[in-house]
Amino acid sequence: SIGGAAGLMVASKMRGRIHRIRNKAPTDTQNSAYLTALQSWKPKDFLSGQAHKAALLKEKTHLRKQAEYEEAKNDPTPVYIYGSQKLNSLALAQAKQRELVAKDPNATYTYAPDYVGQTI
């Protein structure tokens, strides 16, 4: 607890804050036009407008995936995903791309053995 003259000074400052007088007019918080508009306001339903678009997109994606699945099912080449396997799918795809580029006389091709990518 603060004692002596310092305590009296703090107490006198606090008394001044408690008994402060309001020097401005009271704020007008009534706006009849706004209150009338607020009573008739309804929130917008953003989700129902997007439901139809989402259904169309889902159907389009389903058809595309189904076509990709059928194409993959008809492809006799097996898929190997591990890098240590002899028939790695990525290595086969890169080899196929190299063959395509080799046929194009205007293409520039670089191959970096330190990286898994290739640049055309």
N, C-alpha and C. Protein backbone atom coordinates (compact mmCIF):
# COMPACT_ATOMS: atom_id res chain seq x y z
N SER A 1 0.84 -1.17 0.00
CA SER A 1 0.00 0.00 0.00
C SER A 1 0.88 1.24 0.00
N ILE A 2 0.45 2.27 -0.69
CA ILE A 2 1.23 3.52 -0.78
C ILE A 2 0.87 4.37 0.44
N GLY A 3 1.89 4.91 1.07
CA GLY A 3 1.63 5.72 2.26
C GLY A 3 2.15 7.13 2.10
N GLY A 4 1.79 8.00 3.02
CA GLY A 4 2.33 9.36 3.09
C GLY A 4 1.77 10.26 2.01
N ALA A 5 2.60 11.20 1.58
CA ALA A 5 2.20 12.22 0.62
C ALA A 5 1.90 11.61 -0.75
N ALA A 6 2.63 10.58 -1.14
CA ALA A 6 2.39 9.94 -2.44
C ALA A 6 1.01 9.32 -2.47
N GLY A 7 0.59 8.71 -1.37
CA GLY A 7 -0.74 8.11 -1.30
C GLY A 7 -1.82 9.14 -1.42
N LEU A 8 -1.65 10.31 -0.80
CA LEU A 8 -2.65 11.37 -0.89
C LEU A 8 -2.74 11.91 -2.32
N MET A 9 -1.59 12.01 -3.01
CA MET A 9 -1.58 12.53 -4.38
C MET A 9 -2.33 11.57 -5.32
N VAL A 10 -2.11 10.26 -5.17
CA VAL A 10 -2.79 9.27 -6.01
C VAL A 10 -4.28 9.30 -5.73
N ALA A 11 -4.65 9.39 -4.49
CA ALA A 11 -6.07 9.42 -4.12
C ALA A 11 -6.75 10.65 -4.67
N SER A 12 -6.09 11.82 -4.63
CA SER A 12 -6.71 13.04 -5.15
C SER A 12 -6.88 12.97 -6.66
N LYS A 13 -5.92 12.35 -7.40
CA LYS A 13 -6.06 12.21 -8.86
C LYS A 13 -7.20 11.26 -9.21
N MET A 14 -7.37 10.21 -8.44
CA MET A 14 -8.45 9.26 -8.71
C MET A 14 -9.80 9.91 -8.49
N ARG A 15 -9.90 10.77 -7.47
CA ARG A 15 -11.16 11.45 -7.21
C ARG A 15 -11.53 12.33 -8.40
N GLY A 16 -10.56 12.96 -9.02
CA GLY A 16 -10.82 13.81 -10.17
C GLY A 16 -11.34 13.02 -11.36
N ARG A 17 -10.91 11.82 -11.53
CA ARG A 17 -11.36 10.99 -12.65
C ARG A 17 -12.77 10.47 -12.43
N ILE A 18 -13.09 10.16 -11.22
CA ILE A 18 -14.40 9.60 -10.91
C ILE A 18 -15.50 10.65 -11.10
N HIS A 19 -15.23 11.89 -10.77
CA HIS A 19 -16.26 12.94 -10.81
C HIS A 19 -16.13 13.82 -12.04
N ARG A 20 -15.72 13.23 -13.15
CA ARG A 20 -15.56 13.99 -14.38
C ARG A 20 -16.93 14.41 -14.92
N ILE A 21 -17.01 15.59 -15.50
CA ILE A 21 -18.26 16.11 -16.03
C ILE A 21 -18.28 15.90 -17.54
N ARG A 22 -19.43 15.48 -18.07
CA ARG A 22 -19.56 15.27 -19.51
C ARG A 22 -19.83 16.62 -20.17
N ASN A 23 -18.98 17.01 -21.13
CA ASN A 23 -19.09 18.32 -21.75
C ASN A 23 -19.67 18.26 -23.16
N LYS A 24 -20.15 17.13 -23.63
CA LYS A 24 -20.71 17.05 -24.98
C LYS A 24 -22.15 16.59 -24.93
N ALA A 25 -22.86 16.85 -26.01
CA ALA A 25 -24.26 16.46 -26.08
C ALA A 25 -24.38 14.95 -26.16
N PRO A 26 -25.46 14.39 -25.67
CA PRO A 26 -25.63 12.93 -25.76
C PRO A 26 -25.70 12.49 -27.24
N THR A 27 -25.16 11.31 -27.52
CA THR A 27 -25.13 10.78 -28.87
C THR A 27 -26.52 10.35 -29.31
N ASP A 28 -26.86 10.72 -30.55
CA ASP A 28 -28.16 10.34 -31.11
C ASP A 28 -28.05 8.90 -31.61
N THR A 29 -28.68 7.98 -30.93
CA THR A 29 -28.60 6.56 -31.30
C THR A 29 -29.87 6.07 -31.97
N GLN A 30 -30.78 6.95 -32.31
CA GLN A 30 -32.03 6.55 -32.96
C GLN A 30 -32.01 7.02 -34.41
N ASN A 31 -32.13 6.10 -35.34
CA ASN A 31 -32.21 6.40 -36.76
C ASN A 31 -33.39 5.60 -37.27
N SER A 32 -34.52 6.25 -37.44
CA SER A 32 -35.76 5.54 -37.76
C SER A 32 -35.68 4.84 -39.12
N ALA A 33 -35.02 5.44 -40.11
CA ALA A 33 -34.90 4.79 -41.43
C ALA A 33 -34.09 3.51 -41.32
N TYR A 34 -33.03 3.55 -40.54
CA TYR A 34 -32.19 2.35 -40.36
C TYR A 34 -32.95 1.27 -39.61
N LEU A 35 -33.66 1.64 -38.56
CA LEU A 35 -34.40 0.65 -37.78
C LEU A 35 -35.51 0.01 -38.61
N THR A 36 -36.15 0.80 -39.48
CA THR A 36 -37.18 0.24 -40.37
C THR A 36 -36.55 -0.74 -41.37
N ALA A 37 -35.42 -0.37 -41.94
CA ALA A 37 -34.73 -1.25 -42.89
C ALA A 37 -34.22 -2.51 -42.20
N LEU A 38 -33.79 -2.37 -40.96
CA LEU A 38 -33.29 -3.52 -40.21
C LEU A 38 -34.39 -4.54 -39.94
N GLN A 39 -35.62 -4.09 -39.75
CA GLN A 39 -36.73 -5.01 -39.50
C GLN A 39 -37.08 -5.83 -40.74
N SER A 40 -36.92 -5.25 -41.92
CA SER A 40 -37.26 -5.99 -43.14
C SER A 40 -36.05 -6.70 -43.75
N TRP A 41 -34.88 -6.60 -43.14
CA TRP A 41 -33.65 -7.20 -43.67
C TRP A 41 -33.64 -8.70 -43.47
N LYS A 42 -33.23 -9.40 -44.52
CA LYS A 42 -33.05 -10.85 -44.43
C LYS A 42 -31.65 -11.16 -44.94
N PRO A 43 -30.94 -12.07 -44.30
CA PRO A 43 -29.58 -12.38 -44.77
C PRO A 43 -29.61 -13.06 -46.14
N LYS A 44 -28.59 -12.77 -46.96
CA LYS A 44 -28.51 -13.39 -48.28
C LYS A 44 -28.04 -14.83 -48.13
N ASP A 45 -28.60 -15.68 -48.98
CA ASP A 45 -28.22 -17.09 -48.96
C ASP A 45 -27.22 -17.32 -50.10
N PHE A 46 -25.93 -17.25 -49.77
CA PHE A 46 -24.90 -17.40 -50.78
C PHE A 46 -24.68 -18.87 -51.14
N LEU A 47 -24.98 -19.78 -50.24
CA LEU A 47 -24.70 -21.19 -50.48
C LEU A 47 -25.63 -21.82 -51.51
N SER A 48 -26.92 -21.48 -51.45
CA SER A 48 -27.85 -22.12 -52.39
C SER A 48 -27.56 -21.69 -53.82
N GLY A 49 -27.05 -20.49 -54.01
CA GLY A 49 -26.68 -20.05 -55.35
C GLY A 49 -25.51 -20.83 -55.92
N GLN A 50 -24.65 -21.34 -55.05
CA GLN A 50 -23.48 -22.09 -55.50
C GLN A 50 -23.74 -23.60 -55.58
N ALA A 51 -24.83 -24.07 -55.03
CA ALA A 51 -25.11 -25.51 -55.01
C ALA A 51 -25.24 -26.08 -56.42
N HIS A 52 -25.92 -25.35 -57.30
CA HIS A 52 -26.09 -25.82 -58.68
C HIS A 52 -24.74 -25.87 -59.40
N LYS A 53 -23.92 -24.83 -59.22
CA LYS A 53 -22.59 -24.82 -59.84
C LYS A 53 -21.73 -25.97 -59.32
N ALA A 54 -21.82 -26.24 -58.03
CA ALA A 54 -21.03 -27.33 -57.44
C ALA A 54 -21.48 -28.68 -58.00
N ALA A 55 -22.79 -28.85 -58.18
CA ALA A 55 -23.29 -30.11 -58.72
C ALA A 55 -22.81 -30.31 -60.17
N LEU A 56 -22.82 -29.24 -60.97
CA LEU A 56 -22.34 -29.34 -62.35
C LEU A 56 -20.85 -29.68 -62.39
N LEU A 57 -20.09 -29.02 -61.53
CA LEU A 57 -18.65 -29.28 -61.49
C LEU A 57 -18.35 -30.70 -61.03
N LYS A 58 -19.12 -31.18 -60.05
CA LYS A 58 -18.93 -32.54 -59.57
C LYS A 58 -19.21 -33.55 -60.68
N GLU A 59 -20.27 -33.34 -61.44
CA GLU A 59 -20.62 -34.25 -62.53
C GLU A 59 -19.55 -34.21 -63.63
N LYS A 60 -19.07 -33.01 -63.95
CA LYS A 60 -18.03 -32.86 -64.97
C LYS A 60 -16.75 -33.58 -64.54
N THR A 61 -16.37 -33.41 -63.28
CA THR A 61 -15.17 -34.07 -62.75
C THR A 61 -15.34 -35.58 -62.75
N HIS A 62 -16.54 -36.04 -62.37
CA HIS A 62 -16.80 -37.49 -62.35
C HIS A 62 -16.66 -38.09 -63.75
N LEU A 63 -17.20 -37.41 -64.75
CA LEU A 63 -17.10 -37.92 -66.12
C LEU A 63 -15.64 -37.92 -66.59
N ARG A 64 -14.89 -36.87 -66.25
CA ARG A 64 -13.48 -36.81 -66.66
C ARG A 64 -12.68 -37.91 -65.98
N LYS A 65 -12.91 -38.12 -64.69
CA LYS A 65 -12.19 -39.17 -63.96
C LYS A 65 -12.55 -40.55 -64.50
N GLN A 66 -13.82 -40.73 -64.84
CA GLN A 66 -14.26 -42.01 -65.39
C GLN A 66 -13.58 -42.28 -66.73
N ALA A 67 -13.45 -41.25 -67.57
CA ALA A 67 -12.77 -41.42 -68.86
C ALA A 67 -11.29 -41.72 -68.65
N GLU A 68 -10.66 -41.04 -67.69
CA GLU A 68 -9.25 -41.31 -67.39
C GLU A 68 -9.07 -42.73 -66.87
N TYR A 69 -10.00 -43.19 -66.04
CA TYR A 69 -9.92 -44.55 -65.51
C TYR A 69 -10.03 -45.58 -66.62
N GLU A 70 -10.98 -45.35 -67.53
CA GLU A 70 -11.15 -46.29 -68.64
C GLU A 70 -9.91 -46.32 -69.53
N GLU A 71 -9.32 -45.14 -69.76
CA GLU A 71 -8.11 -45.07 -70.58
C GLU A 71 -6.95 -45.79 -69.90
N ALA A 72 -6.82 -45.60 -68.59
CA ALA A 72 -5.75 -46.27 -67.85
C ALA A 72 -5.99 -47.78 -67.79
N LYS A 73 -7.25 -48.18 -67.72
CA LYS A 73 -7.58 -49.62 -67.66
C LYS A 73 -7.25 -50.31 -68.98
N ASN A 74 -7.40 -49.59 -70.08
CA ASN A 74 -7.10 -50.17 -71.40
C ASN A 74 -5.62 -50.12 -71.73
N ASP A 75 -4.83 -49.37 -70.97
CA ASP A 75 -3.38 -49.27 -71.22
C ASP A 75 -2.70 -50.49 -70.60
N PRO A 76 -2.00 -51.30 -71.41
CA PRO A 76 -1.39 -52.52 -70.88
C PRO A 76 -0.11 -52.27 -70.06
N THR A 77 0.44 -51.06 -70.11
CA THR A 77 1.69 -50.78 -69.41
C THR A 77 1.44 -50.72 -67.91
N PRO A 78 2.16 -51.51 -67.12
CA PRO A 78 1.97 -51.43 -65.66
C PRO A 78 2.58 -50.15 -65.11
N VAL A 79 2.11 -49.74 -63.94
CA VAL A 79 2.58 -48.52 -63.30
C VAL A 79 3.46 -48.90 -62.12
N TYR A 80 4.69 -48.41 -62.14
CA TYR A 80 5.61 -48.60 -61.03
C TYR A 80 5.94 -47.23 -60.46
N ILE A 81 5.80 -47.06 -59.17
CA ILE A 81 5.96 -45.72 -58.60
C ILE A 81 7.26 -45.54 -57.83
N TYR A 82 7.99 -46.59 -57.57
CA TYR A 82 9.20 -46.47 -56.77
C TYR A 82 10.41 -46.24 -57.65
N GLY A 83 11.33 -45.37 -57.23
CA GLY A 83 12.48 -45.00 -58.02
C GLY A 83 13.47 -46.13 -58.23
N SER A 84 13.50 -47.09 -57.34
CA SER A 84 14.49 -48.15 -57.47
C SER A 84 14.04 -49.26 -58.42
N GLN A 85 12.79 -49.19 -58.88
CA GLN A 85 12.31 -50.24 -59.77
C GLN A 85 12.77 -50.00 -61.21
N LYS A 86 12.95 -51.06 -61.93
CA LYS A 86 13.48 -50.98 -63.29
C LYS A 86 12.53 -50.25 -64.23
N LEU A 87 11.25 -50.48 -64.10
CA LEU A 87 10.26 -49.88 -65.01
C LEU A 87 9.51 -48.71 -64.35
N ASN A 88 10.25 -47.80 -63.76
CA ASN A 88 9.65 -46.64 -63.11
C ASN A 88 8.83 -45.84 -64.14
N SER A 89 7.59 -45.52 -63.80
CA SER A 89 6.69 -44.85 -64.73
C SER A 89 7.22 -43.47 -65.13
N LEU A 90 7.83 -42.75 -64.19
CA LEU A 90 8.37 -41.44 -64.51
C LEU A 90 9.52 -41.54 -65.50
N ALA A 91 10.40 -42.52 -65.30
CA ALA A 91 11.51 -42.72 -66.23
C ALA A 91 11.00 -43.10 -67.62
N LEU A 92 9.96 -43.91 -67.67
CA LEU A 92 9.38 -44.28 -68.97
C LEU A 92 8.76 -43.06 -69.66
N ALA A 93 8.09 -42.21 -68.87
CA ALA A 93 7.48 -41.00 -69.45
C ALA A 93 8.55 -40.05 -69.97
N GLN A 94 9.66 -39.94 -69.23
CA GLN A 94 10.74 -39.08 -69.68
C GLN A 94 11.38 -39.62 -70.95
N ALA A 95 11.54 -40.91 -71.03
CA ALA A 95 12.12 -41.53 -72.24
C ALA A 95 11.21 -41.29 -73.44
N LYS A 96 9.90 -41.40 -73.21
CA LYS A 96 8.95 -41.16 -74.29
C LYS A 96 9.03 -39.70 -74.75
N GLN A 97 9.17 -38.79 -73.80
CA GLN A 97 9.28 -37.38 -74.14
C GLN A 97 10.58 -37.09 -74.90
N ARG A 98 11.65 -37.75 -74.51
CA ARG A 98 12.92 -37.58 -75.21
C ARG A 98 12.80 -38.04 -76.67
N GLU A 99 12.09 -39.13 -76.89
CA GLU A 99 11.88 -39.62 -78.26
C GLU A 99 11.10 -38.62 -79.10
N LEU A 100 10.07 -37.99 -78.49
CA LEU A 100 9.28 -37.00 -79.20
C LEU A 100 10.12 -35.77 -79.54
N VAL A 101 10.96 -35.35 -78.62
CA VAL A 101 11.78 -34.16 -78.84
C VAL A 101 12.85 -34.45 -79.88
N ALA A 102 13.36 -35.66 -79.90
CA ALA A 102 14.41 -36.01 -80.86
C ALA A 102 13.91 -35.89 -82.30
N LYS A 103 12.61 -36.06 -82.51
CA LYS A 103 12.05 -35.97 -83.85
C LYS A 103 11.86 -34.52 -84.30
N ASP A 104 11.82 -33.57 -83.36
CA ASP A 104 11.61 -32.16 -83.69
C ASP A 104 12.95 -31.46 -83.86
N PRO A 105 13.29 -31.00 -85.08
CA PRO A 105 14.61 -30.40 -85.30
C PRO A 105 14.76 -29.01 -84.66
N ASN A 106 13.67 -28.35 -84.32
CA ASN A 106 13.73 -27.00 -83.75
C ASN A 106 13.73 -27.00 -82.22
N ALA A 107 13.61 -28.16 -81.59
CA ALA A 107 13.52 -28.23 -80.13
C ALA A 107 14.92 -28.25 -79.51
N THR A 108 15.04 -27.62 -78.37
CA THR A 108 16.29 -27.66 -77.61
C THR A 108 16.02 -28.51 -76.37
N TYR A 109 16.88 -29.47 -76.13
CA TYR A 109 16.64 -30.42 -75.05
C TYR A 109 17.86 -30.48 -74.15
N THR A 110 17.63 -30.41 -72.85
CA THR A 110 18.72 -30.58 -71.89
C THR A 110 18.31 -31.66 -70.90
N TYR A 111 19.28 -32.39 -70.44
CA TYR A 111 19.01 -33.45 -69.47
C TYR A 111 20.07 -33.36 -68.39
N ALA A 112 19.63 -33.21 -67.15
CA ALA A 112 20.56 -33.14 -66.02
C ALA A 112 20.46 -34.43 -65.23
N PRO A 113 21.48 -35.27 -65.22
CA PRO A 113 21.38 -36.54 -64.51
C PRO A 113 21.28 -36.39 -62.99
N ASP A 114 21.63 -35.20 -62.47
CA ASP A 114 21.54 -34.99 -61.01
C ASP A 114 20.11 -34.73 -60.55
N TYR A 115 19.23 -34.38 -61.50
CA TYR A 115 17.86 -34.04 -61.15
C TYR A 115 16.90 -34.99 -61.82
N VAL A 116 15.68 -35.07 -61.28
CA VAL A 116 14.69 -36.01 -61.79
C VAL A 116 13.88 -35.40 -62.92
N GLY A 117 14.14 -34.16 -63.27
CA GLY A 117 13.36 -33.51 -64.31
C GLY A 117 14.10 -33.43 -65.61
N GLN A 118 13.42 -32.91 -66.61
CA GLN A 118 14.06 -32.66 -67.89
C GLN A 118 13.44 -31.38 -68.44
N THR A 119 14.18 -30.66 -69.24
CA THR A 119 13.74 -29.37 -69.74
C THR A 119 13.70 -29.40 -71.26
N ILE A 120 12.65 -28.80 -71.79
CA ILE A 120 12.55 -28.67 -73.26
C ILE A 120 12.61 -27.20 -73.58
